[in-house]
C-alpha cells in the first residue's frame, strides 16, 4: 500500500498547532480544509515499505522539516479562518 507520509505528519502537528488558536473553529470540515491546503503546499513523501516509514520518521525529526509543516499549517489556518466552508 502506498501512503503519503506527509498526511500523517500534518495530522500530528495540526493537533498541536491548533492549541494556539482558541477562536479558530475546529470542526471536522475546517480541519480537513486546513489539512488539504497545507498538503497542497508541502512535498509529498510516499512510502511503501517499513524501511520507507523509518526514513520518513527520521526526516520528520529534522527541525527545518517540522518548521516547513508548521508554516504551511499556519498559512492554511489563516485562509480557513477567514473563509470557513461549514454551515
C-alpha atoms as a PDB file:
ATOM      1  CA  UNK A   1       0.000   0.000   0.000  1.00  0.00           C
ATOM      2  CA  UNK A   2       1.305   3.412  -0.968  1.00  0.00           C
ATOM      3  CA  UNK A   3       0.849   6.134   1.634  1.00  0.00           C
ATOM      4  CA  UNK A   4       1.694   9.828   1.626  1.00  0.00           C
ATOM      5  CA  UNK A   5       3.533  10.001   4.929  1.00  0.00           C
ATOM      6  CA  UNK A   6       3.128  13.781   4.892  1.00  0.00           C
ATOM      7  CA  UNK A   7      -0.578  13.252   5.707  1.00  0.00           C
ATOM      8  CA  UNK A   8       0.369  11.560   8.980  1.00  0.00           C
ATOM      9  CA  UNK A   9       2.840  14.324   9.821  1.00  0.00           C
ATOM     10  CA  UNK A  10       0.281  17.049   9.097  1.00  0.00           C
ATOM     11  CA  UNK A  11      -2.342  15.262  11.220  1.00  0.00           C
ATOM     12  CA  UNK A  12       0.035  15.005  14.167  1.00  0.00           C
ATOM     13  CA  UNK A  13       1.389  18.544  14.006  1.00  0.00           C
ATOM     14  CA  UNK A  14      -2.015  20.144  13.319  1.00  0.00           C
ATOM     15  CA  UNK A  15      -3.327  18.974  16.696  1.00  0.00           C
ATOM     16  CA  UNK A  16      -0.559  20.893  18.467  1.00  0.00           C
ATOM     17  CA  UNK A  17      -0.724  23.987  16.270  1.00  0.00           C
ATOM     18  CA  UNK A  18      -4.490  24.341  16.781  1.00  0.00           C
ATOM     19  CA  UNK A  19      -3.912  24.623  20.549  1.00  0.00           C
ATOM     20  CA  UNK A  20      -2.617  28.150  19.872  1.00  0.00           C
ATOM     21  CA  UNK A  21      -5.844  29.183  18.108  1.00  0.00           C
ATOM     22  CA  UNK A  22      -8.606  29.412  20.712  1.00  0.00           C
ATOM     23  CA  UNK A  23     -11.088  31.224  18.483  1.00  0.00           C
ATOM     24  CA  UNK A  24     -10.485  29.041  15.415  1.00  0.00           C
ATOM     25  CA  UNK A  25     -13.292  26.660  14.501  1.00  0.00           C
ATOM     26  CA  UNK A  26     -12.027  23.112  14.929  1.00  0.00           C
ATOM     27  CA  UNK A  27     -14.926  21.266  13.322  1.00  0.00           C
ATOM     28  CA  UNK A  28     -14.098  18.343  11.037  1.00  0.00           C
ATOM     29  CA  UNK A  29     -14.748  20.356   7.849  1.00  0.00           C
ATOM     30  CA  UNK A  30     -12.450  23.210   8.877  1.00  0.00           C
ATOM     31  CA  UNK A  31      -9.697  20.804   9.946  1.00  0.00           C
ATOM     32  CA  UNK A  32      -9.962  18.896   6.659  1.00  0.00           C
ATOM     33  CA  UNK A  33      -9.767  22.178   4.709  1.00  0.00           C
ATOM     34  CA  UNK A  34      -6.664  23.202   6.678  1.00  0.00           C
ATOM     35  CA  UNK A  35      -5.008  19.848   6.003  1.00  0.00           C
ATOM     36  CA  UNK A  36      -5.851  19.944   2.290  1.00  0.00           C
ATOM     37  CA  UNK A  37      -4.444  23.447   1.829  1.00  0.00           C
ATOM     38  CA  UNK A  38      -1.263  22.618   3.746  1.00  0.00           C
ATOM     39  CA  UNK A  39      -0.748  19.299   1.944  1.00  0.00           C
ATOM     40  CA  UNK A  40      -1.109  21.007  -1.429  1.00  0.00           C
ATOM     41  CA  UNK A  41       1.834  23.214  -0.485  1.00  0.00           C
ATOM     42  CA  UNK A  42       4.072  20.519   1.002  1.00  0.00           C
ATOM     43  CA  UNK A  43       6.189  17.982  -0.834  1.00  0.00           C
ATOM     44  CA  UNK A  44       4.603  14.524  -0.571  1.00  0.00           C
ATOM     45  CA  UNK A  45       6.627  11.712   0.972  1.00  0.00           C
ATOM     46  CA  UNK A  46       5.327   8.431  -0.396  1.00  0.00           C
ATOM     47  CA  UNK A  47       6.278   5.273   1.461  1.00  0.00           C
ATOM     48  CA  UNK A  48       5.597   1.623   0.746  1.00  0.00           C
ATOM     49  CA  UNK A  49       7.923  -0.440   2.882  1.00  0.00           C
ATOM     50  CA  UNK A  50       8.741  -0.426   6.558  1.00  0.00           C
ATOM     51  CA  UNK A  51      12.166   0.926   5.604  1.00  0.00           C
ATOM     52  CA  UNK A  52      10.413   3.805   3.838  1.00  0.00           C
ATOM     53  CA  UNK A  53       8.480   4.548   7.026  1.00  0.00           C
ATOM     54  CA  UNK A  54      11.696   4.608   9.037  1.00  0.00           C
ATOM     55  CA  UNK A  55      13.295   7.015   6.556  1.00  0.00           C
ATOM     56  CA  UNK A  56      10.260   9.284   6.684  1.00  0.00           C
ATOM     57  CA  UNK A  57      10.241   9.297  10.506  1.00  0.00           C
ATOM     58  CA  UNK A  58      13.919  10.240  10.621  1.00  0.00           C
ATOM     59  CA  UNK A  59      13.249  13.017   8.131  1.00  0.00           C
ATOM     60  CA  UNK A  60      10.366  14.228  10.322  1.00  0.00           C
ATOM     61  CA  UNK A  61      12.779  14.839  13.180  1.00  0.00           C
ATOM     62  CA  UNK A  62      14.669  17.477  11.252  1.00  0.00           C
ATOM     63  CA  UNK A  63      13.926  20.943  12.610  1.00  0.00           C
ATOM     64  CA  UNK A  64      13.532  22.529   9.183  1.00  0.00           C
ATOM     65  CA  UNK A  65      11.101  19.808   8.120  1.00  0.00           C
ATOM     66  CA  UNK A  66       8.830  20.499  11.103  1.00  0.00           C
ATOM     67  CA  UNK A  67       9.160  24.253  10.629  1.00  0.00           C
ATOM     68  CA  UNK A  68       8.036  23.928   6.995  1.00  0.00           C
ATOM     69  CA  UNK A  69       4.981  21.900   8.015  1.00  0.00           C
ATOM     70  CA  UNK A  70       4.066  24.365  10.776  1.00  0.00           C
ATOM     71  CA  UNK A  71       4.499  27.316   8.398  1.00  0.00           C
ATOM     72  CA  UNK A  72       2.103  25.788   5.865  1.00  0.00           C
ATOM     73  CA  UNK A  73      -0.409  24.876   8.577  1.00  0.00           C
ATOM     74  CA  UNK A  74      -0.395  28.431   9.944  1.00  0.00           C
ATOM     75  CA  UNK A  75      -0.985  29.818   6.442  1.00  0.00           C
ATOM     76  CA  UNK A  76      -3.815  27.319   5.908  1.00  0.00           C
ATOM     77  CA  UNK A  77      -5.394  28.183   9.271  1.00  0.00           C
ATOM     78  CA  UNK A  78      -5.358  31.852   8.292  1.00  0.00           C
ATOM     79  CA  UNK A  79      -7.116  31.087   4.996  1.00  0.00           C
ATOM     80  CA  UNK A  80      -9.763  28.833   6.526  1.00  0.00           C
ATOM     81  CA  UNK A  81     -10.442  31.113   9.491  1.00  0.00           C
ATOM     82  CA  UNK A  82     -11.213  33.993   7.114  1.00  0.00           C
ATOM     83  CA  UNK A  83     -13.486  31.891   4.901  1.00  0.00           C
ATOM     84  CA  UNK A  84     -14.821  28.733   6.600  1.00  0.00           C
ATOM     85  CA  UNK A  85     -16.885  26.411   4.381  1.00  0.00           C
ATOM     86  CA  UNK A  86     -19.014  24.839   7.076  1.00  0.00           C
ATOM     87  CA  UNK A  87     -22.629  25.824   7.694  1.00  0.00           C
END
